[in-house]
Amino acid sequence: MDGLTEYTIKKGNHFCWPRVLKARNRVNAVFWKVVFDKNSNYNLGNNDQEDWNKVLGLYFNFFNPRDNTVMVGWRYRPDRDLIELNAYYHLNKQTYYTESLMHIRREEAVYIAIRIDWSARKYLVVMESPKSGAKARHEMPFAHPEKRFWEINFYFGGNRPSPQEISIRKGNIGERDWPKTTKT
């Protein structure tokens, strides 16, 4: 089909299947292609709808993924039938969320890159949808010394587990596979 792996969160769970443990050492960038499936249109019917879920990311403390982490968050907006994406960090024992940086539709491919500038000590999160032309960038400084990191799996929640089965298709891609319209 599209060469992407399907990751599914079953109703009542937070974690996806399959779960993948992928480590990297001192890499300057990681690139993904992600497609939210039609079943990602959940409705919690309360304030928990505003919680950010995790699409993907990198964590630099194997024993605590809430320490030294850079992620892309997502949530479904039932009032607009859109997926919102943001940048989401755990740094120095604090949590930082950006506002919504980008909106996409279900079944719309989004390309996501996380760049790590080791000398300037900052992350750069870049997102682009070739179909809609939507683009977003966000930088965040970091202070940790770690060079080895692991990829974060697709995850549902905040406070509540998934109200239904939700799936995405996701895969690591090379920089050469990035849409030609944006400099990452």
Protein backbone atom coordinates (compact mmCIF):
# COMPACT_ATOMS: atom_id res chain seq x y z
CA MET A 1 0.00 0.00 0.00
CA ASP A 2 1.91 3.11 1.20
CA GLY A 3 4.80 1.37 3.02
CA LEU A 4 3.64 2.66 6.41
CA THR A 5 2.99 0.54 9.51
CA GLU A 6 -0.45 0.64 11.12
CA TYR A 7 -0.45 1.41 14.86
CA THR A 8 -3.72 0.81 16.73
CA ILE A 9 -4.90 1.85 20.18
CA LYS A 10 -7.71 -0.43 21.31
CA LYS A 11 -10.77 0.94 23.12
CA GLY A 12 -10.00 1.42 26.84
CA ASN A 13 -6.22 1.61 26.35
CA HIS A 14 -3.58 4.33 26.19
CA PHE A 15 -0.81 2.45 24.36
CA CYS A 16 -0.72 1.34 20.73
CA TRP A 17 0.04 -1.99 19.17
CA PRO A 18 2.55 -2.83 17.91
CA ARG A 19 4.86 -1.24 20.47
CA VAL A 20 8.28 -0.54 19.04
CA LEU A 21 11.51 0.19 20.90
CA LYS A 22 13.84 2.02 18.52
CA ALA A 23 17.05 3.58 19.85
CA ARG A 24 19.29 6.08 18.07
CA ASN A 25 22.60 7.67 18.99
CA ARG A 26 23.52 11.29 18.20
CA VAL A 27 21.39 11.57 15.09
CA ASN A 28 20.72 15.12 13.87
CA ALA A 29 17.18 14.52 12.56
CA VAL A 30 14.40 11.97 12.39
CA PHE A 31 11.70 12.10 9.69
CA TRP A 32 8.27 10.47 9.58
CA LYS A 33 5.24 10.25 7.37
CA VAL A 34 1.94 9.90 9.29
CA VAL A 35 -1.66 9.33 8.19
CA PHE A 36 -4.53 9.42 10.71
CA ASP A 37 -7.11 6.80 9.82
CA LYS A 38 -10.84 7.51 9.55
CA ASN A 39 -11.39 6.07 13.06
CA SER A 40 -9.40 8.90 14.72
CA ASN A 41 -12.58 10.98 15.12
CA TYR A 42 -13.17 10.40 18.83
CA ASN A 43 -15.47 12.51 21.01
CA LEU A 44 -15.02 12.49 24.79
CA GLY A 45 -17.86 14.97 25.31
CA ASN A 46 -16.05 17.02 27.98
CA ASN A 47 -12.91 19.05 28.73
CA ASP A 48 -10.71 15.97 28.23
CA GLN A 49 -11.26 16.52 24.49
CA GLU A 50 -8.68 19.32 24.85
CA ASP A 51 -5.97 16.94 26.15
CA TRP A 52 -3.02 16.37 23.85
CA ASN A 53 -2.26 12.80 22.79
CA LYS A 54 1.14 11.77 21.39
CA VAL A 55 1.70 11.03 17.71
CA LEU A 56 5.46 10.50 17.97
CA GLY A 57 8.58 11.92 19.49
CA LEU A 58 11.96 11.29 21.06
CA TYR A 59 12.90 10.72 24.68
CA PHE A 60 16.42 10.99 26.06
CA ASN A 61 15.96 9.30 29.47
CA PHE A 62 15.22 5.61 28.97
CA PHE A 63 13.90 5.21 32.52
CA ASN A 64 11.63 8.26 32.43
CA PRO A 65 9.98 9.29 29.15
CA ARG A 66 8.60 12.39 30.92
CA ASP A 67 12.11 13.80 31.28
CA ASN A 68 13.99 15.36 28.35
CA THR A 69 11.43 14.67 25.65
CA VAL A 70 10.40 16.32 22.37
CA MET A 71 7.07 15.21 20.84
CA VAL A 72 4.30 16.05 18.44
CA GLY A 73 0.88 16.02 20.08
CA TRP A 74 -2.51 15.53 18.44
CA ARG A 75 -6.18 15.82 19.27
CA TYR A 76 -9.40 15.57 17.32
CA ARG A 77 -11.68 18.61 16.99
CA PRO A 78 -15.23 17.27 16.50
CA ASP A 79 -16.62 20.79 15.95
CA ARG A 80 -14.38 21.16 12.86
CA ASP A 81 -13.76 17.50 11.93
CA LEU A 82 -10.01 18.17 12.00
CA ILE A 83 -6.89 16.77 13.67
CA GLU A 84 -4.83 19.43 15.50
CA LEU A 85 -1.07 19.03 15.86
CA ASN A 86 1.31 20.77 18.25
CA ALA A 87 4.83 20.59 19.66
CA TYR A 88 5.02 19.14 23.14
CA TYR A 89 8.06 18.95 25.44
CA HIS A 90 9.18 17.62 28.82
CA LEU A 91 12.31 19.62 29.78
CA ASN A 92 13.96 20.12 33.15
CA LYS A 93 11.05 18.36 34.89
CA GLN A 94 8.55 20.82 33.31
CA THR A 95 5.92 20.25 30.60
CA TYR A 96 5.54 22.71 27.71
CA TYR A 97 2.82 22.66 25.06
CA THR A 98 2.51 24.94 22.09
CA GLU A 99 -0.86 26.07 20.88
CA SER A 100 -2.20 24.17 17.92
CA LEU A 101 0.38 24.63 15.13
CA MET A 102 -1.41 22.86 12.30
CA HIS A 103 -4.74 21.30 11.28
CA ILE A 104 -5.13 18.32 8.97
CA ARG A 105 -7.97 16.08 7.87
CA ARG A 106 -8.20 12.38 8.54
CA GLU A 107 -6.57 10.33 5.76
CA GLU A 108 -4.33 13.33 4.91
CA ALA A 109 -0.59 12.60 5.01
CA VAL A 110 1.54 14.81 7.21
CA TYR A 111 5.33 14.82 7.16
CA ILE A 112 7.01 15.45 10.51
CA ALA A 113 10.68 16.08 11.28
CA ILE A 114 12.43 16.57 14.58
CA ARG A 115 15.86 18.14 14.14
CA ILE A 116 18.38 18.30 16.96
CA ASP A 117 20.97 21.05 16.81
CA TRP A 118 23.54 19.69 19.25
CA SER A 119 25.83 22.74 19.17
CA ALA A 120 23.03 25.34 19.61
CA ARG A 121 21.22 22.94 22.00
CA LYS A 122 17.76 23.28 20.49
CA TYR A 123 15.06 21.13 18.93
CA LEU A 124 13.26 22.08 15.74
CA VAL A 125 9.88 20.46 15.05
CA VAL A 126 8.72 20.79 11.41
CA MET A 127 5.40 19.60 9.97
CA GLU A 128 3.97 19.77 6.46
CA SER A 129 0.92 18.49 4.59
CA PRO A 130 1.49 18.52 0.83
CA LYS A 131 -2.25 18.11 0.19
CA SER A 132 -3.44 21.18 2.11
CA GLY A 133 -0.19 23.14 1.95
CA ALA A 134 -0.25 23.56 5.75
CA LYS A 135 3.19 24.01 7.34
CA ALA A 136 4.44 24.60 10.87
CA ARG A 137 7.75 25.02 12.72
CA HIS A 138 8.64 25.36 16.38
CA GLU A 139 12.02 25.64 18.15
CA MET A 140 12.75 24.84 21.79
CA PRO A 141 16.09 25.02 23.61
CA PHE A 142 17.24 22.12 25.76
CA ALA A 143 19.98 21.72 28.36
CA HIS A 144 20.37 17.97 28.88
CA PRO A 145 23.66 16.26 27.92
CA GLU A 146 22.17 12.99 26.59
CA LYS A 147 23.04 11.93 23.04
CA ARG A 148 21.19 8.58 22.88
CA PHE A 149 17.42 8.60 22.46
CA TRP A 150 14.42 6.39 21.79
CA GLU A 151 11.33 6.94 19.67
CA ILE A 152 7.98 7.55 21.38
CA ASN A 153 5.06 5.39 20.29
CA PHE A 154 1.55 6.54 19.33
CA TYR A 155 -0.38 7.16 22.57
CA PHE A 156 -3.87 8.26 23.65
CA GLY A 157 -4.48 10.42 26.74
CA GLY A 158 -4.28 12.71 29.02
CA ASN A 159 -6.64 11.65 31.69
CA ARG A 160 -8.75 9.11 29.87
CA PRO A 161 -8.06 6.03 27.78
CA SER A 162 -9.19 5.77 24.20
CA PRO A 163 -13.01 5.70 23.86
CA GLN A 164 -12.76 3.60 20.68
CA GLU A 165 -10.24 1.87 18.46
CA ILE A 166 -7.99 4.53 16.87
CA SER A 167 -5.31 3.94 14.24
CA ILE A 168 -2.60 5.77 12.39
CA ARG A 169 -0.21 4.67 9.69
CA LYS A 170 3.33 5.83 10.34
CA GLY A 171 6.82 5.21 9.06
CA ASN A 172 10.31 6.61 9.26
CA ILE A 173 11.37 8.19 6.01
CA GLY A 174 14.60 9.70 4.74
CA GLU A 175 15.11 13.40 4.24
CA ARG A 176 15.06 12.74 0.48
CA ASP A 177 11.42 11.59 0.87
CA TRP A 178 10.36 14.91 2.42
CA PRO A 179 8.09 17.05 0.21
CA LYS A 180 10.16 19.38 -1.94
CA THR A 181 8.15 22.46 -0.94
CA THR A 182 9.67 22.95 2.53
CA LYS A 183 13.20 23.23 3.80
CA THR A 184 13.42 21.16 6.96
